[in-house]
Amino acid sequence: MRAVAKYGALTTLGSLILTALVAAPADGAATPAPGAVPAASDPAPALATVSEAEGVVRAAARAEAAGITFGACPKAEKLPAPITCGTVQVPLDYARPEGRTISLTVSRIHASGEAEQRQGAVVFNPGGPGASGMYFPRAATLPDWKRIAEAYDFVGYAPRGVGRSAPLSCVDPAEFIKAPTRSPRHPSEAYKREKIAEARAYARGCAEKAGPALRHYTSLNNARDLDVLRAALGERKLTFMGSSYGTYFGALYASLFPSHVRRMVFDSAVNPDPWQIWYRDNLDQSNAFERRWADFRTWAAKHDATFHLGANAGAVQTSYEELRSRVAREPAGGTVGPGQLQAAMLGAGYYDDYWISRATALAAYLKGDAKPLIALAAPQPQAAPEAENGNAVYTAVECNDAPWPTDWRIWDRDNTDLARIAPFETWDNAWMNLPCAFWPAPQQQPLDVRTEPGQLPPTLILAAERDAATPYEGALELRSRLPGAVLVTERDAGTHGLVGGSNTCVNAYVNDYLLTGKTPAPDAACAPHAEPDPVTPEPATKLADLRMRLRPAPRF
């Protein structure tokens, strides 16, 4: 998700009784939310239906027989040789495996080591929902990945709905990035009515554009697709790395297909408790972002000699509020209003190596130079189709996956209460997810992620203690549900996504696990990586840019 309020500080939310939840079994139908746009009925009633488990078996058998024909990547992927691309066919509906299929795009680079070093393929997902992992084979060129790249083919793919994989869309991309926009911390009743109307319209647009296929964009189907991809690659068992949201459907995969798992790395884990998916996970995330925003302000104050934003966290907040007021009155460059400013600053809650660029832009603007802020926050028309597609997939998956409150009064109560102690991101996160209150497709009951002792080989979970996008409690919950899993904690750090980052201790654990299958001792921990230094920042290089592209997508 883009933002949530998960665990810890908001103790009152745990006792709220949330009602008006509409749900269906994973393979069943449900009454759409009151006031929702009716969804088109599935047009294939004549096709024989089977259990979805049987549908996966049939689809995987076909994929194994067909394999994947890899060749030069389309120009749209911007992936140079020796990376190659292909497609795998998966059923739109696993209960009708002989019915309509969709193509998922796949990328690969072969292992660079000798034959005796090779261990098959490692498949990667960067999260979202709505993010593509097609670029993952480029990681093979990074020095930190050298030993793993010698042993494994690096395989990326675009999940259903993403990129060229049966893409979803809910609104016109130009309309999606329309700017400037507002971002009130404590919205008025009139503003709330506007956002409710927008959420209804957005849900209606998803239903109209996707039709009856909309209900099939789910995390469970992402897990099923992953098993079909495994078979198409000719892998008897799956080696998988999932970041952020990728940990959730990776955990679903482990629960559905434990005998198909070889090795799994869960990087920055979503809380998989069915009670949390997804409404409560988002509340927890919004709460955690407040803490991480405070971390950024404390750091900026520490470097007041450089940025002059204030000598303590409160003074930095005052500077930020002044900037918010200015762009509300006169948007920077005509397009950067409070909404665009907030989206740019949210990046500081995900990744601390964004801190220098954010603080620099704020400082420059307050001194009269708007150019760095405009470069950082202004909408980019060329990126609009990808951004709109990612948001459409995010919304469809999260709305389909689980029950959501359908009574606006519940949303209003919970987010009003939370915004009193965590105003930074609470309402913007609520507006992003509000279409789920009016969702026209059936909403499933989340699978209870869980395996029995001995069902899975050892798995590895990575988490930073102060991660806001996927708060640390999620890693603890996932570990409790996957016996044999070992958690590696980066102490007193909060960057979202640890694999391939700057912490050499974490990277060593990942390398050892993927190369040998051995996990560290329980409760393994690493000291935090160094905070950004604005005096001697890391130089901008192609390798640094690639590392940034490999981090989890900024939602979940």
Protein backbone atom coordinates (compact mmCIF):
# COMPACT_ATOMS: atom_id res chain seq x y z
CA MET A 1 0.00 0.00 0.00
CA ARG A 2 1.03 3.57 -0.22
CA ALA A 3 0.35 4.11 3.46
CA VAL A 4 -1.07 2.26 6.45
CA ALA A 5 -1.40 2.37 10.20
CA LYS A 6 -0.39 -1.01 11.43
CA TYR A 7 0.99 -1.98 14.74
CA GLY A 8 2.00 -0.54 18.02
CA ALA A 9 1.32 3.04 18.89
CA LEU A 10 -2.38 3.15 18.15
CA THR A 11 -3.66 0.96 20.96
CA THR A 12 -7.23 2.20 20.73
CA LEU A 13 -7.72 0.86 17.22
CA GLY A 14 -7.21 -2.72 18.31
CA SER A 15 -10.43 -2.59 20.32
CA LEU A 16 -12.63 -1.05 17.65
CA ILE A 17 -15.52 -3.18 16.53
CA LEU A 18 -15.66 -2.80 12.77
CA THR A 19 -18.94 -3.80 11.17
CA ALA A 20 -20.60 -3.69 7.78
CA LEU A 21 -18.00 -5.98 6.23
CA VAL A 22 -19.04 -7.90 3.13
CA ALA A 23 -17.07 -10.96 2.12
CA ALA A 24 -17.04 -14.10 0.02
CA PRO A 25 -15.03 -17.30 0.14
CA ALA A 26 -11.93 -17.30 -2.03
CA ASP A 27 -13.82 -19.07 -4.81
CA GLY A 28 -17.28 -17.69 -4.17
CA ALA A 29 -19.43 -14.65 -4.79
CA ALA A 30 -20.71 -11.96 -2.47
CA THR A 31 -23.16 -9.13 -2.45
CA PRO A 32 -21.32 -6.01 -3.61
CA ALA A 33 -20.99 -3.10 -1.22
CA PRO A 34 -24.14 -1.01 -0.73
CA GLY A 35 -24.19 1.73 -3.34
CA ALA A 36 -21.56 0.00 -5.45
CA VAL A 37 -21.71 -0.10 -9.21
CA PRO A 38 -23.08 -3.48 -10.34
CA ALA A 39 -20.37 -5.57 -11.93
CA ALA A 40 -20.89 -7.36 -15.21
CA SER A 41 -21.64 -11.05 -14.82
CA ASP A 42 -19.09 -13.62 -15.89
CA PRO A 43 -19.88 -14.48 -19.51
CA ALA A 44 -18.72 -18.12 -19.48
CA PRO A 45 -21.29 -20.15 -17.50
CA ALA A 46 -21.13 -23.02 -19.98
CA LEU A 47 -17.52 -23.85 -19.11
CA ALA A 48 -17.02 -26.66 -16.62
CA THR A 49 -15.76 -25.46 -13.26
CA VAL A 50 -13.27 -27.25 -11.03
CA SER A 51 -11.66 -26.43 -7.72
CA GLU A 52 -9.07 -23.69 -8.04
CA ALA A 53 -6.46 -26.12 -6.69
CA GLU A 54 -7.21 -28.47 -9.59
CA GLY A 55 -7.12 -25.50 -11.96
CA VAL A 56 -3.57 -24.71 -10.87
CA VAL A 57 -2.50 -28.33 -11.44
CA ARG A 58 -3.88 -28.28 -14.99
CA ALA A 59 -2.44 -24.87 -15.82
CA ALA A 60 0.98 -25.78 -14.41
CA ALA A 61 1.06 -29.00 -16.43
CA ARG A 62 0.32 -27.06 -19.63
CA ALA A 63 2.96 -24.47 -18.77
CA GLU A 64 5.58 -27.09 -18.04
CA ALA A 65 4.93 -28.73 -21.39
CA ALA A 66 4.99 -25.44 -23.29
CA GLY A 67 7.86 -23.77 -21.46
CA ILE A 68 8.71 -20.14 -22.20
CA THR A 69 10.14 -19.02 -25.52
CA PHE A 70 12.66 -16.34 -24.61
CA GLY A 71 13.93 -13.79 -27.13
CA ALA A 72 14.92 -10.16 -27.43
CA CYS A 73 12.92 -7.94 -25.08
CA PRO A 74 10.43 -5.47 -26.57
CA LYS A 75 11.70 -1.88 -26.64
CA ALA A 76 9.02 -0.92 -24.13
CA GLU A 77 10.79 -2.98 -21.45
CA LYS A 78 14.11 -1.12 -21.85
CA LEU A 79 16.04 -4.28 -21.03
CA PRO A 80 19.28 -4.77 -22.97
CA ALA A 81 20.85 -8.07 -24.02
CA PRO A 82 21.80 -10.53 -22.62
CA ILE A 83 18.47 -10.17 -20.81
CA THR A 84 15.71 -11.96 -22.70
CA CYS A 85 11.93 -11.84 -22.46
CA GLY A 86 8.97 -14.14 -23.02
CA THR A 87 5.43 -14.82 -21.83
CA VAL A 88 3.60 -17.47 -19.83
CA GLN A 89 -0.12 -18.22 -20.18
CA VAL A 90 -2.23 -18.43 -17.03
CA PRO A 91 -5.99 -18.86 -16.59
CA LEU A 92 -7.91 -15.70 -15.85
CA ASP A 93 -10.10 -17.84 -13.57
CA TYR A 94 -8.52 -20.93 -12.01
CA ALA A 95 -11.96 -22.43 -11.48
CA ARG A 96 -12.24 -22.46 -15.30
CA PRO A 97 -8.74 -23.46 -16.38
CA GLU A 98 -9.91 -24.32 -19.90
CA GLY A 99 -11.41 -20.86 -20.36
CA ARG A 100 -9.86 -17.49 -21.06
CA THR A 101 -6.12 -17.17 -20.50
CA ILE A 102 -3.95 -14.10 -20.07
CA SER A 103 -0.25 -13.59 -20.85
CA LEU A 104 2.23 -12.59 -18.17
CA THR A 105 5.49 -11.03 -19.35
CA VAL A 106 8.69 -12.60 -18.04
CA SER A 107 12.37 -11.54 -18.16
CA ARG A 108 15.50 -13.58 -17.51
CA ILE A 109 19.26 -13.47 -17.47
CA HIS A 110 21.18 -16.74 -17.20
CA ALA A 111 23.47 -17.53 -14.29
CA SER A 112 27.02 -16.43 -15.02
CA GLY A 113 28.81 -19.20 -13.13
CA GLU A 114 30.09 -22.57 -14.22
CA ALA A 115 27.64 -25.45 -14.61
CA GLU A 116 28.54 -26.94 -11.23
CA GLN A 117 27.69 -23.64 -9.50
CA ARG A 118 24.19 -23.27 -10.91
CA GLN A 119 21.13 -23.73 -8.71
CA GLY A 120 18.25 -22.91 -11.06
CA ALA A 121 16.20 -19.73 -11.14
CA VAL A 122 15.38 -17.16 -8.46
CA VAL A 123 12.13 -15.27 -9.09
CA PHE A 124 11.61 -11.77 -7.68
CA ASN A 125 8.60 -9.57 -6.94
CA PRO A 126 9.06 -5.96 -5.72
CA GLY A 127 5.65 -5.50 -4.11
CA GLY A 128 2.86 -3.06 -4.77
CA PRO A 129 0.36 -4.48 -5.50
CA GLY A 130 0.86 -3.06 -8.96
CA ALA A 131 4.64 -3.08 -9.41
CA SER A 132 6.55 -4.90 -12.13
CA GLY A 133 9.67 -6.96 -11.50
CA MET A 134 10.69 -7.09 -15.16
CA TYR A 135 13.85 -5.09 -14.43
CA PHE A 136 15.14 -7.61 -11.86
CA PRO A 137 17.65 -9.36 -14.18
CA ARG A 138 19.59 -6.09 -14.28
CA ALA A 139 20.55 -6.74 -10.65
CA ALA A 140 22.94 -9.42 -11.89
CA THR A 141 25.37 -6.61 -12.77
CA LEU A 142 25.57 -5.27 -9.21
CA PRO A 143 28.69 -6.22 -7.21
CA ASP A 144 26.57 -7.11 -4.15
CA TRP A 145 24.68 -9.71 -6.21
CA LYS A 146 27.71 -11.24 -7.96
CA ARG A 147 27.81 -14.56 -6.08
CA ILE A 148 24.05 -15.06 -6.34
CA ALA A 149 24.12 -14.17 -10.06
CA GLU A 150 26.77 -16.84 -10.62
CA ALA A 151 24.47 -19.46 -9.10
CA TYR A 152 21.01 -18.43 -10.29
CA ASP A 153 19.15 -17.31 -13.35
CA PHE A 154 17.53 -14.00 -12.36
CA VAL A 155 13.85 -14.01 -13.36
CA GLY A 156 11.50 -11.06 -13.17
CA TYR A 157 7.91 -10.76 -14.30
CA ALA A 158 4.92 -8.47 -14.37
CA PRO A 159 2.01 -9.89 -12.32
CA ARG A 160 -1.49 -9.99 -13.77
CA GLY A 161 -2.78 -6.53 -14.52
CA VAL A 162 0.66 -4.88 -14.48
CA GLY A 163 2.46 -3.43 -17.49
CA ARG A 164 1.82 -5.62 -20.52
CA SER A 165 0.36 -8.51 -18.45
CA ALA A 166 -3.35 -8.07 -19.21
CA PRO A 167 -3.12 -4.47 -17.99
CA LEU A 168 -5.78 -2.89 -15.81
CA SER A 169 -6.92 0.72 -15.99
CA CYS A 170 -9.59 2.59 -14.06
CA VAL A 171 -9.34 6.21 -15.27
CA ASP A 172 -7.67 8.23 -17.99
CA PRO A 173 -3.95 8.55 -17.10
CA ALA A 174 -3.97 12.31 -17.71
CA GLU A 175 -6.84 12.67 -15.26
CA PHE A 176 -5.03 10.47 -12.72
CA ILE A 177 -2.03 12.84 -12.47
CA LYS A 178 -4.04 16.04 -12.69
CA ALA A 179 -2.46 18.68 -10.47
CA PRO A 180 -2.30 20.60 -8.21
CA THR A 181 -4.36 18.86 -5.55
CA ARG A 182 -5.13 19.47 -1.89
CA SER A 183 -4.07 17.36 1.10
CA PRO A 184 -5.79 18.56 4.28
CA ARG A 185 -4.61 16.93 7.50
CA HIS A 186 -8.05 17.40 9.10
CA PRO A 187 -10.53 17.56 6.19
CA SER A 188 -13.82 19.43 6.30
CA GLU A 189 -17.15 17.69 5.83
CA ALA A 190 -17.44 19.27 2.37
CA TYR A 191 -14.03 17.89 1.37
CA LYS A 192 -14.97 14.45 2.65
CA ARG A 193 -18.09 14.49 0.46
CA GLU A 194 -15.92 15.33 -2.54
CA LYS A 195 -13.57 12.42 -1.85
CA ILE A 196 -16.47 10.00 -1.33
CA ALA A 197 -17.82 10.98 -4.74
CA GLU A 198 -14.36 10.51 -6.29
CA ALA A 199 -14.01 7.06 -4.69
CA ARG A 200 -17.41 5.98 -6.05
CA ALA A 201 -16.45 7.21 -9.51
CA TYR A 202 -13.09 5.45 -9.37
CA ALA A 203 -14.70 2.12 -8.41
CA ARG A 204 -17.21 2.62 -11.23
CA GLY A 205 -14.37 3.26 -13.68
CA CYS A 206 -12.60 0.03 -12.66
CA ALA A 207 -15.81 -1.96 -13.19
CA GLU A 208 -16.55 -0.37 -16.54
CA LYS A 209 -13.05 -0.78 -17.95
CA ALA A 210 -12.28 -4.28 -16.64
CA GLY A 211 -15.75 -5.83 -16.85
CA PRO A 212 -16.21 -9.32 -15.43
CA ALA A 213 -12.44 -9.89 -15.30
CA LEU A 214 -12.12 -7.44 -12.40
CA ARG A 215 -12.84 -10.00 -9.69
CA HIS A 216 -9.92 -12.20 -10.77
CA TYR A 217 -7.17 -9.73 -9.85
CA THR A 218 -6.34 -11.05 -6.38
CA SER A 219 -3.39 -12.02 -4.22
CA LEU A 220 -4.50 -15.65 -4.27
CA ASN A 221 -4.39 -15.63 -8.06
CA ASN A 222 -0.97 -13.96 -7.93
CA ALA A 223 0.21 -16.91 -5.81
CA ARG A 224 -1.35 -19.39 -8.25
CA ASP A 225 0.26 -17.59 -11.20
CA LEU A 226 3.60 -17.94 -9.44
CA ASP A 227 3.25 -21.71 -9.40
CA VAL A 228 2.43 -21.75 -13.12
CA LEU A 229 5.51 -19.61 -13.74
CA ARG A 230 7.61 -22.05 -11.70
CA ALA A 231 6.42 -24.89 -13.90
CA ALA A 232 6.99 -22.95 -17.12
CA LEU A 233 10.57 -22.27 -16.06
CA GLY A 234 11.10 -26.01 -15.60
CA GLU A 235 11.76 -25.63 -11.86
CA ARG A 236 10.64 -28.54 -9.68
CA LYS A 237 10.69 -26.23 -6.68
CA LEU A 238 10.58 -22.45 -6.38
CA THR A 239 13.28 -20.10 -5.12
CA PHE A 240 11.58 -16.75 -4.53
CA MET A 241 12.39 -13.31 -3.16
CA GLY A 242 9.45 -11.07 -2.38
CA SER A 243 9.62 -7.54 -1.04
CA SER A 244 6.84 -5.72 0.80
CA TYR A 245 3.52 -6.85 -0.75
CA GLY A 246 5.53 -9.60 -2.46
CA THR A 247 5.98 -11.15 0.99
CA TYR A 248 2.21 -11.48 1.35
CA PHE A 249 1.50 -13.45 -1.77
CA GLY A 250 4.77 -15.28 -1.24
CA ALA A 251 3.36 -16.37 2.13
CA LEU A 252 0.12 -17.35 0.41
CA TYR A 253 2.21 -19.44 -1.99
CA ALA A 254 3.98 -21.13 0.92
CA SER A 255 0.59 -21.96 2.47
CA LEU A 256 -0.97 -23.23 -0.77
CA PHE A 257 2.08 -25.06 -2.20
CA PRO A 258 4.48 -25.86 0.66
CA SER A 259 5.94 -28.88 -1.14
CA HIS A 260 6.89 -26.64 -4.10
CA VAL A 261 9.09 -24.31 -2.03
CA ARG A 262 12.87 -24.56 -2.24
CA ARG A 263 13.97 -21.27 -0.66
CA MET A 264 12.10 -18.04 0.14
CA VAL A 265 13.25 -14.61 1.24
CA PHE A 266 10.56 -12.35 2.71
CA ASP A 267 11.92 -8.79 2.68
CA SER A 268 9.92 -6.22 4.73
CA ALA A 269 6.95 -8.38 5.60
CA VAL A 270 3.28 -7.44 5.44
CA ASN A 271 1.30 -8.61 8.46
CA PRO A 272 -0.55 -11.65 7.02
CA ASP A 273 -3.11 -12.01 9.81
CA PRO A 274 -6.49 -12.26 8.02
CA TRP A 275 -7.92 -9.74 10.49
CA GLN A 276 -5.38 -7.19 9.23
CA ILE A 277 -5.88 -7.63 5.46
CA TRP A 278 -6.15 -4.86 4.28
CA TYR A 279 -8.13 -2.20 6.15
CA ARG A 280 -6.32 -2.56 9.46
CA ASP A 281 -2.92 -2.98 7.81
CA ASN A 282 -3.46 0.45 6.24
CA LEU A 283 -4.38 2.03 9.55
CA ASP A 284 -1.25 0.58 11.12
CA GLN A 285 0.87 1.85 8.27
CA SER A 286 -0.41 5.41 8.58
CA ASN A 287 0.44 5.34 12.26
CA ALA A 288 3.95 4.07 11.56
CA PHE A 289 4.59 6.76 8.96
CA GLU A 290 4.10 9.38 11.66
CA ARG A 291 7.04 7.92 13.57
CA ARG A 292 9.21 7.72 10.46
CA TRP A 293 8.35 11.31 9.50
CA ALA A 294 9.59 12.29 12.96
CA ASP A 295 12.83 10.41 12.25
CA PHE A 296 13.34 12.50 9.11
CA ARG A 297 12.67 15.75 10.97
CA THR A 298 15.09 14.79 13.75
CA TRP A 299 17.77 14.05 11.16
CA ALA A 300 17.14 17.34 9.31
CA ALA A 301 17.45 19.22 12.59
CA LYS A 302 20.75 17.45 13.29
CA HIS A 303 21.99 18.94 10.02
CA ASP A 304 20.54 22.40 10.50
CA ALA A 305 23.88 23.91 9.54
CA THR A 306 23.32 22.49 6.06
CA PHE A 307 19.57 22.87 5.57
CA HIS A 308 18.50 25.65 7.95
CA LEU A 309 15.06 24.08 8.42
CA GLY A 310 15.20 24.25 12.21
CA ALA A 311 17.35 23.17 15.13
CA ASN A 312 14.86 20.60 16.43
CA ALA A 313 12.14 18.37 15.00
CA GLY A 314 9.39 20.80 15.95
CA ALA A 315 11.10 23.67 14.16
CA VAL A 316 11.51 21.51 11.04
CA GLN A 317 7.78 20.77 11.17
CA THR A 318 7.09 24.52 11.36
CA SER A 319 9.20 25.07 8.25
CA TYR A 320 7.34 22.30 6.47
CA GLU A 321 3.94 23.74 7.40
CA GLU A 322 5.04 27.12 6.06
CA LEU A 323 5.94 25.48 2.76
CA ARG A 324 2.60 23.65 2.66
CA SER A 325 0.79 26.92 3.17
CA ARG A 326 2.76 28.62 0.39
CA VAL A 327 2.10 25.94 -2.24
CA ALA A 328 -1.56 25.88 -1.23
CA ARG A 329 -1.79 29.60 -2.04
CA GLU A 330 0.44 29.45 -5.12
CA PRO A 331 1.38 25.98 -6.43
CA ALA A 332 5.05 25.68 -7.34
CA GLY A 333 5.44 25.68 -11.09
CA GLY A 334 1.67 25.71 -11.32
CA THR A 335 1.41 21.99 -10.54
CA VAL A 336 2.97 21.32 -7.12
CA GLY A 337 0.30 21.83 -4.50
CA PRO A 338 -0.07 20.26 -1.06
CA GLY A 339 -0.99 16.87 -2.56
CA GLN A 340 2.12 16.69 -4.73
CA LEU A 341 4.29 17.96 -1.86
CA GLN A 342 2.90 15.28 0.44
CA ALA A 343 3.52 12.51 -2.10
CA ALA A 344 7.14 13.62 -2.49
CA MET A 345 7.71 13.86 1.26
CA LEU A 346 6.14 10.43 1.77
CA GLY A 347 9.20 9.04 0.00
CA ALA A 348 11.23 10.11 3.03
CA GLY A 349 9.09 7.75 5.08
CA TYR A 350 10.07 4.83 2.87
CA TYR A 351 13.78 5.37 2.18
CA ASP A 352 16.29 7.35 4.20
CA ASP A 353 18.51 7.87 1.16
CA TYR A 354 15.71 10.18 -0.04
CA TRP A 355 16.27 12.42 2.98
CA ILE A 356 18.95 14.62 1.43
CA SER A 357 16.97 15.37 -1.74
CA ARG A 358 13.80 16.13 0.24
CA ALA A 359 15.51 18.38 2.76
CA THR A 360 17.43 20.14 -0.03
CA ALA A 361 14.23 20.85 -1.95
CA LEU A 362 12.43 22.18 1.13
CA ALA A 363 15.36 24.40 2.05
CA ALA A 364 15.74 25.79 -1.47
CA TYR A 365 12.05 26.59 -1.77
CA LEU A 366 11.97 28.48 1.51
CA LYS A 367 14.92 30.54 0.25
CA GLY A 368 13.08 31.39 -2.97
CA ASP A 369 14.29 28.67 -5.35
CA ALA A 370 11.39 26.43 -6.38
CA LYS A 371 13.26 24.45 -9.04
CA PRO A 372 14.44 21.52 -6.84
CA LEU A 373 10.92 21.05 -5.43
CA ILE A 374 9.34 21.19 -8.89
CA ALA A 375 11.85 18.63 -10.19
CA LEU A 376 11.07 16.39 -7.23
CA ALA A 377 7.29 16.68 -7.00
CA ALA A 378 5.76 17.86 -10.27
CA PRO A 379 3.73 15.22 -12.16
CA GLN A 380 5.51 13.71 -15.16
CA PRO A 381 3.09 13.21 -18.07
CA GLN A 382 5.27 10.53 -19.64
CA ALA A 383 5.00 8.47 -16.45
CA ALA A 384 1.21 8.82 -16.18
CA PRO A 385 0.22 5.52 -17.88
CA GLU A 386 2.48 3.45 -15.63
CA ALA A 387 1.36 5.32 -12.51
CA GLU A 388 -2.32 4.94 -13.34
CA ASN A 389 -1.89 1.26 -14.17
CA GLY A 390 -0.06 0.61 -10.90
CA ASN A 391 -2.76 2.32 -8.88
CA ALA A 392 -5.52 0.41 -10.71
CA VAL A 393 -3.89 -2.93 -9.88
CA TYR A 394 -3.23 -1.86 -6.30
CA THR A 395 -6.88 -0.95 -5.84
CA ALA A 396 -8.29 -4.03 -7.54
CA VAL A 397 -6.13 -6.48 -5.61
CA GLU A 398 -6.65 -4.93 -2.20
CA CYS A 399 -10.38 -4.39 -2.70
CA ASN A 400 -10.90 -7.92 -4.01
CA ASP A 401 -8.74 -9.61 -1.38
CA ALA A 402 -10.76 -8.98 1.75
CA PRO A 403 -13.78 -7.35 3.40
CA TRP A 404 -13.72 -3.59 3.82
CA PRO A 405 -16.08 -1.39 5.83
CA THR A 406 -18.97 -0.27 3.64
CA ASP A 407 -20.29 2.27 6.11
CA TRP A 408 -18.56 5.65 5.68
CA ARG A 409 -19.08 6.37 9.37
CA ILE A 410 -16.53 3.66 10.23
CA TRP A 411 -13.89 5.15 7.93
CA ASP A 412 -14.64 8.62 9.27
CA ARG A 413 -14.41 7.53 12.90
CA ASP A 414 -11.23 5.50 12.56
CA ASN A 415 -9.30 7.99 10.44
CA THR A 416 -10.46 11.02 12.44
CA ASP A 417 -9.25 9.33 15.63
CA LEU A 418 -5.95 8.30 14.06
CA ALA A 419 -5.29 11.70 12.47
CA ARG A 420 -5.30 13.28 15.93
CA ILE A 421 -2.04 11.47 16.74
CA ALA A 422 -0.75 10.64 13.23
CA PRO A 423 -1.77 13.43 10.84
CA PHE A 424 1.12 13.10 8.38
CA GLU A 425 -0.38 10.46 6.06
CA THR A 426 -3.63 9.20 7.59
CA TRP A 427 -6.23 10.87 5.42
CA ASP A 428 -4.29 10.62 2.15
CA ASN A 429 -4.00 6.89 2.77
CA ALA A 430 -7.71 6.65 3.53
CA TRP A 431 -8.64 8.40 0.27
CA MET A 432 -6.39 6.04 -1.70
CA ASN A 433 -8.24 3.02 -0.33
CA LEU A 434 -11.78 4.41 -0.13
CA PRO A 435 -12.90 2.91 -3.49
CA CYS A 436 -12.94 -0.41 -1.62
CA ALA A 437 -16.00 0.82 0.32
CA PHE A 438 -17.93 0.93 -2.94
CA TRP A 439 -16.31 -2.00 -4.71
CA PRO A 440 -18.58 -3.75 -7.24
CA ALA A 441 -16.79 -7.11 -7.34
CA PRO A 442 -17.04 -9.89 -4.72
CA GLN A 443 -14.65 -9.51 -1.82
CA GLN A 444 -12.91 -12.64 -0.57
CA GLN A 445 -12.10 -13.88 2.90
CA PRO A 446 -8.30 -13.82 3.27
CA LEU A 447 -6.52 -17.15 3.50
CA ASP A 448 -5.16 -18.00 6.94
CA VAL A 449 -1.44 -18.00 6.13
CA ARG A 450 0.04 -20.92 8.02
CA THR A 451 2.11 -24.06 7.59
CA GLU A 452 2.68 -27.00 9.88
CA PRO A 453 6.12 -27.82 11.33
CA GLY A 454 8.20 -29.65 8.73
CA GLN A 455 6.05 -28.66 5.74
CA LEU A 456 8.43 -25.93 4.56
CA PRO A 457 12.19 -25.81 4.26
CA PRO A 458 13.79 -23.01 6.29
CA THR A 459 12.81 -19.54 5.08
CA LEU A 460 14.35 -16.13 5.73
CA ILE A 461 12.50 -12.98 6.87
CA LEU A 462 14.15 -9.54 6.82
CA ALA A 463 12.83 -6.49 8.65
CA ALA A 464 13.92 -3.06 9.82
CA GLU A 465 12.69 -2.13 13.28
CA ARG A 466 11.41 1.31 12.25
CA ASP A 467 10.02 0.44 8.80
CA ALA A 468 6.81 2.42 8.27
CA ALA A 469 5.42 0.82 5.11
CA THR A 470 5.50 -2.65 6.66
CA PRO A 471 5.78 -2.18 10.43
CA TYR A 472 8.01 -4.60 12.32
CA GLU A 473 5.12 -6.43 13.97
CA GLY A 474 4.26 -7.90 10.57
CA ALA A 475 7.59 -9.73 10.44
CA LEU A 476 6.98 -11.15 13.91
CA GLU A 477 3.51 -12.32 12.86
CA LEU A 478 4.79 -13.95 9.68
CA ARG A 479 7.53 -15.76 11.60
CA SER A 480 4.94 -17.16 14.01
CA ARG A 481 2.94 -18.59 11.11
CA LEU A 482 5.80 -20.27 9.21
CA PRO A 483 7.57 -22.72 11.54
CA GLY A 484 11.28 -22.84 10.79
CA ALA A 485 11.41 -19.27 9.47
CA VAL A 486 14.27 -17.16 10.83
CA LEU A 487 13.99 -13.39 11.23
CA VAL A 488 16.94 -11.07 10.61
CA THR A 489 16.38 -7.63 12.12
CA GLU A 490 18.12 -4.40 11.20
CA ARG A 491 18.11 -2.63 14.55
CA ASP A 492 17.09 1.01 14.91
CA ALA A 493 16.67 1.52 11.16
CA GLY A 494 13.63 2.20 9.02
CA THR A 495 14.41 1.93 5.32
CA HIS A 496 11.80 -0.15 3.51
CA GLY A 497 13.45 -3.09 1.76
CA LEU A 498 16.78 -4.53 2.87
CA VAL A 499 17.85 -6.95 0.12
CA GLY A 500 20.74 -5.55 -1.88
CA GLY A 501 20.90 -2.38 0.22
CA SER A 502 23.80 -0.80 2.06
CA ASN A 503 23.81 -3.09 5.11
CA THR A 504 26.58 -5.61 4.46
CA CYS A 505 25.51 -7.70 7.45
CA VAL A 506 22.03 -8.23 6.01
CA ASN A 507 23.44 -8.92 2.55
CA ALA A 508 25.77 -11.58 3.95
CA TYR A 509 22.84 -13.41 5.55
CA VAL A 510 20.91 -13.32 2.27
CA ASN A 511 23.87 -14.57 0.25
CA ASP A 512 24.55 -17.44 2.65
CA TYR A 513 20.91 -18.48 2.67
CA LEU A 514 20.41 -18.43 -1.10
CA LEU A 515 23.71 -20.15 -1.79
CA THR A 516 23.63 -22.82 0.93
CA GLY A 517 20.06 -22.96 2.23
CA LYS A 518 21.32 -22.33 5.75
CA THR A 519 19.58 -19.78 7.94
CA PRO A 520 21.26 -17.84 10.75
CA ALA A 521 20.60 -18.44 14.41
CA PRO A 522 17.15 -17.38 15.65
CA ASP A 523 16.76 -13.66 16.41
CA ALA A 524 19.72 -12.69 14.25
CA ALA A 525 20.31 -8.94 14.18
CA CYS A 526 22.41 -6.39 12.31
CA ALA A 527 23.49 -2.93 13.39
CA PRO A 528 21.82 -0.12 11.44
CA HIS A 529 23.31 1.14 8.21
CA ALA A 530 24.74 4.64 8.35
CA GLU A 531 22.37 7.58 8.14
CA PRO A 532 22.70 9.81 5.05
CA ASP A 533 25.49 12.37 5.31
CA PRO A 534 24.59 15.61 3.51
CA VAL A 535 28.22 16.74 3.64
CA THR A 536 29.57 13.71 1.75
CA PRO A 537 26.55 12.15 0.00
CA GLU A 538 26.84 9.00 -2.09
CA PRO A 539 27.73 10.05 -5.64
CA ALA A 540 25.10 9.59 -8.33
CA THR A 541 26.17 6.62 -10.46
CA LYS A 542 24.46 4.12 -12.71
CA LEU A 543 24.97 1.45 -10.05
CA ALA A 544 23.42 3.65 -7.37
CA ASP A 545 20.45 4.35 -9.65
CA LEU A 546 19.99 0.63 -10.30
CA ARG A 547 20.09 -0.14 -6.57
CA MET A 548 17.30 2.38 -6.06
CA ARG A 549 15.20 0.75 -8.79
CA LEU A 550 15.55 -2.63 -7.09
CA ARG A 551 13.97 -1.53 -3.82
CA PRO A 552 10.35 -2.37 -2.99
CA ALA A 553 7.58 -0.47 -4.72
CA PRO A 554 6.32 2.42 -2.53
CA ARG A 555 3.00 0.99 -1.44
CA PHE A 556 3.37 -2.31 0.43
